[in-house]
Amino acid sequence: MQIERGFTLIELVLVLLLIGIMSAVAVPRLFSNADTGNITTRDALVSRLRLVQTMNMNEPQTQRTRLVVGQPQNGQTGFAHITDVISADADPVGSANLSDTSAWRRMHNADAAITVNTRTNFSLLFTRLGKPKLYGSNGQLVTDCESGCELLVGNKYKLRIESEGYIHGL
């Protein structure tokens, strides 16, 4: 009598199960790498906006914190720069001058472009009540965001700052 060699049903099921689990984990990672930078930038921007808002609501009248978003310059990397700048209240309100060394700053190189109302250079400031104000790169007030402001990260992720100051993703 000759012995037939082959795989048992249990072995075949286990191999198919392992292949299914590995493909379920690996395939989404292969196709979603392009969005990782956008998602990271969106999350960093939400955190920075909330930090700047909280600082503005709690800091003394003699200083102001603003969030400045600008394009990379002088060999800097990234699509945009997100910068928290704390400066004296005498500085221009919407000033986006990043060369001023007297102001405290913390920078983040973004992995995606950030725009608001088609602007790529802007600064956001919050009132003592936490309400947003949007300034252009020239320091002029663009809008008080009475109906809210929408920021676009990359080409499809949106953030909204409501007129009352609530910050959330869309």
Protein backbone atom coordinates (compact mmCIF):
# COMPACT_ATOMS: atom_id res chain seq x y z
CA MET A 1 0.00 0.00 0.00
CA GLN A 2 1.41 3.40 -1.03
CA ILE A 3 1.09 6.44 1.32
CA GLU A 4 -0.38 9.58 -0.22
CA ARG A 5 1.33 12.77 0.94
CA GLY A 6 -0.38 16.15 1.03
CA PHE A 7 -1.73 18.91 3.25
CA THR A 8 -4.54 18.40 5.69
CA LEU A 9 -7.58 20.62 5.63
CA ILE A 10 -6.49 22.29 8.90
CA GLU A 11 -3.09 23.21 7.45
CA LEU A 12 -4.67 24.73 4.35
CA VAL A 13 -7.14 26.77 6.41
CA LEU A 14 -4.37 28.08 8.70
CA VAL A 15 -2.22 29.15 5.75
CA LEU A 16 -5.15 30.94 4.10
CA LEU A 17 -6.01 32.62 7.40
CA LEU A 18 -2.43 33.87 7.85
CA ILE A 19 -2.29 35.17 4.28
CA GLY A 20 -5.61 36.97 4.83
CA ILE A 21 -4.43 38.62 8.05
CA MET A 22 -1.13 39.70 6.52
CA SER A 23 -2.83 41.18 3.47
CA ALA A 24 -5.42 42.99 5.59
CA VAL A 25 -2.61 44.70 7.51
CA ALA A 26 -0.16 45.32 4.65
CA VAL A 27 -2.41 46.45 1.78
CA PRO A 28 -3.87 49.57 3.49
CA ARG A 29 -0.39 50.69 4.47
CA LEU A 30 0.85 50.39 0.91
CA PHE A 31 -1.92 52.55 -0.50
CA SER A 32 -2.24 55.18 2.25
CA ASN A 33 1.34 56.44 2.57
CA ALA A 34 0.54 59.51 0.48
CA ASP A 35 -1.99 60.73 3.06
CA THR A 36 0.21 60.20 6.12
CA GLY A 37 1.85 63.62 5.78
CA ASN A 38 -1.51 65.34 5.35
CA ILE A 39 -3.00 63.64 8.39
CA THR A 40 0.08 64.38 10.52
CA THR A 41 0.00 68.03 9.46
CA ARG A 42 -3.73 68.29 10.19
CA ASP A 43 -3.29 66.85 13.67
CA ALA A 44 -0.29 69.09 14.39
CA LEU A 45 -2.24 72.12 13.19
CA VAL A 46 -5.23 71.34 15.43
CA SER A 47 -2.90 70.96 18.42
CA ARG A 48 -1.08 74.20 17.67
CA LEU A 49 -4.30 76.13 17.13
CA ARG A 50 -5.70 74.93 20.45
CA LEU A 51 -2.43 75.78 22.21
CA VAL A 52 -2.32 79.30 20.77
CA GLN A 53 -5.99 79.81 21.64
CA THR A 54 -5.42 78.70 25.24
CA MET A 55 -2.32 80.86 25.57
CA ASN A 56 -4.15 83.94 24.25
CA MET A 57 -6.96 83.42 26.72
CA ASN A 58 -4.56 83.15 29.67
CA GLU A 59 -1.60 85.42 28.95
CA PRO A 60 -1.16 88.96 30.29
CA GLN A 61 -2.32 92.01 28.36
CA THR A 62 1.29 92.92 27.48
CA GLN A 63 1.92 89.95 25.20
CA ARG A 64 0.21 88.10 22.41
CA THR A 65 0.60 84.66 20.85
CA ARG A 66 -0.20 84.06 17.21
CA LEU A 67 0.06 81.11 14.90
CA VAL A 68 1.92 81.97 11.71
CA VAL A 69 1.74 79.79 8.60
CA GLY A 70 4.24 80.60 5.88
CA GLN A 71 6.02 79.06 2.93
CA PRO A 72 9.53 77.59 3.35
CA GLN A 73 12.41 80.00 2.83
CA ASN A 74 16.21 79.89 2.77
CA GLY A 75 16.65 76.14 2.31
CA GLN A 76 14.01 75.14 4.86
CA THR A 77 12.13 71.93 4.16
CA GLY A 78 8.44 71.11 4.20
CA PHE A 79 5.43 72.51 2.40
CA ALA A 80 4.62 75.12 5.04
CA HIS A 81 5.84 76.30 8.41
CA ILE A 82 3.56 76.39 11.42
CA THR A 83 5.01 78.74 14.03
CA ASP A 84 3.77 79.81 17.44
CA VAL A 85 5.12 83.30 18.12
CA ILE A 86 4.87 85.03 21.48
CA SER A 87 5.68 88.72 21.27
CA ALA A 88 4.99 92.03 22.94
CA ASP A 89 1.58 93.58 22.48
CA ALA A 90 3.22 96.54 20.70
CA ASP A 91 4.17 94.36 17.68
CA PRO A 92 1.94 94.58 14.62
CA VAL A 93 -1.05 92.36 15.35
CA GLY A 94 -0.88 90.12 12.32
CA SER A 95 2.86 90.39 11.83
CA ALA A 96 4.35 87.30 10.24
CA ASN A 97 7.96 88.48 10.52
CA LEU A 98 9.86 85.32 11.45
CA SER A 99 13.26 87.03 11.39
CA ASP A 100 12.50 88.91 14.63
CA THR A 101 14.69 87.19 17.22
CA SER A 102 13.16 89.03 20.19
CA ALA A 103 9.99 86.94 19.96
CA TRP A 104 9.76 83.42 21.35
CA ARG A 105 8.84 80.88 18.71
CA ARG A 106 8.32 77.18 18.16
CA MET A 107 8.35 75.91 14.58
CA HIS A 108 6.97 72.83 12.86
CA ASN A 109 7.78 71.92 9.26
CA ALA A 110 4.54 70.70 7.73
CA ASP A 111 4.33 67.76 5.35
CA ALA A 112 1.44 69.31 3.42
CA ALA A 113 0.37 72.70 2.12
CA ILE A 114 -1.92 74.73 4.39
CA THR A 115 -4.27 77.33 2.99
CA VAL A 116 -7.13 79.46 4.24
CA ASN A 117 -9.24 81.40 1.73
CA THR A 118 -6.56 80.58 -0.90
CA ARG A 119 -3.90 82.26 1.27
CA THR A 120 -0.68 80.36 1.96
CA ASN A 121 0.90 83.04 4.18
CA PHE A 122 -1.26 84.14 7.09
CA SER A 123 -1.44 84.36 10.84
CA LEU A 124 -4.20 83.51 13.27
CA LEU A 125 -4.78 85.24 16.54
CA PHE A 126 -7.42 84.56 19.17
CA THR A 127 -9.12 87.12 21.37
CA ARG A 128 -9.26 86.81 25.15
CA LEU A 129 -12.61 85.03 24.64
CA GLY A 130 -11.02 82.49 22.28
CA LYS A 131 -12.57 83.87 19.08
CA PRO A 132 -10.39 83.68 15.93
CA LYS A 133 -9.05 86.56 13.83
CA LEU A 134 -7.29 85.97 10.51
CA TYR A 135 -4.51 88.28 9.31
CA GLY A 136 -2.76 88.37 5.95
CA SER A 137 1.01 88.27 5.52
CA ASN A 138 1.05 92.09 5.42
CA GLY A 139 -0.38 92.25 8.96
CA GLN A 140 -3.80 93.52 7.88
CA LEU A 141 -6.96 91.99 9.32
CA VAL A 142 -8.59 89.77 6.69
CA THR A 143 -11.62 88.64 8.66
CA ASP A 144 -12.88 88.29 12.20
CA CYS A 145 -14.17 84.85 11.21
CA GLU A 146 -17.70 85.84 12.24
CA SER A 147 -19.01 82.84 10.34
CA GLY A 148 -15.95 80.71 11.09
CA CYS A 149 -12.77 80.00 9.15
CA GLU A 150 -11.89 76.90 7.14
CA LEU A 151 -8.32 75.74 6.66
CA LEU A 152 -7.36 73.26 3.97
CA VAL A 153 -4.51 70.82 4.64
CA GLY A 154 -3.13 69.21 1.52
CA ASN A 155 -5.91 69.02 -1.00
CA LYS A 156 -8.66 67.25 0.91
CA TYR A 157 -8.44 67.58 4.71
CA LYS A 158 -10.32 70.51 6.20
CA LEU A 159 -10.25 72.13 9.61
CA ARG A 160 -12.88 74.53 10.84
CA ILE A 161 -12.59 77.19 13.50
CA GLU A 162 -16.10 78.18 14.51
CA SER A 163 -16.87 81.82 15.28
CA GLU A 164 -17.06 80.93 18.97
CA GLY A 165 -13.57 79.38 18.83
CA TYR A 166 -14.30 75.66 18.64
CA ILE A 167 -11.61 73.96 16.49
CA HIS A 168 -12.39 70.67 14.74
CA GLY A 169 -11.73 68.63 11.60
CA LEU A 170 -14.28 68.12 8.86
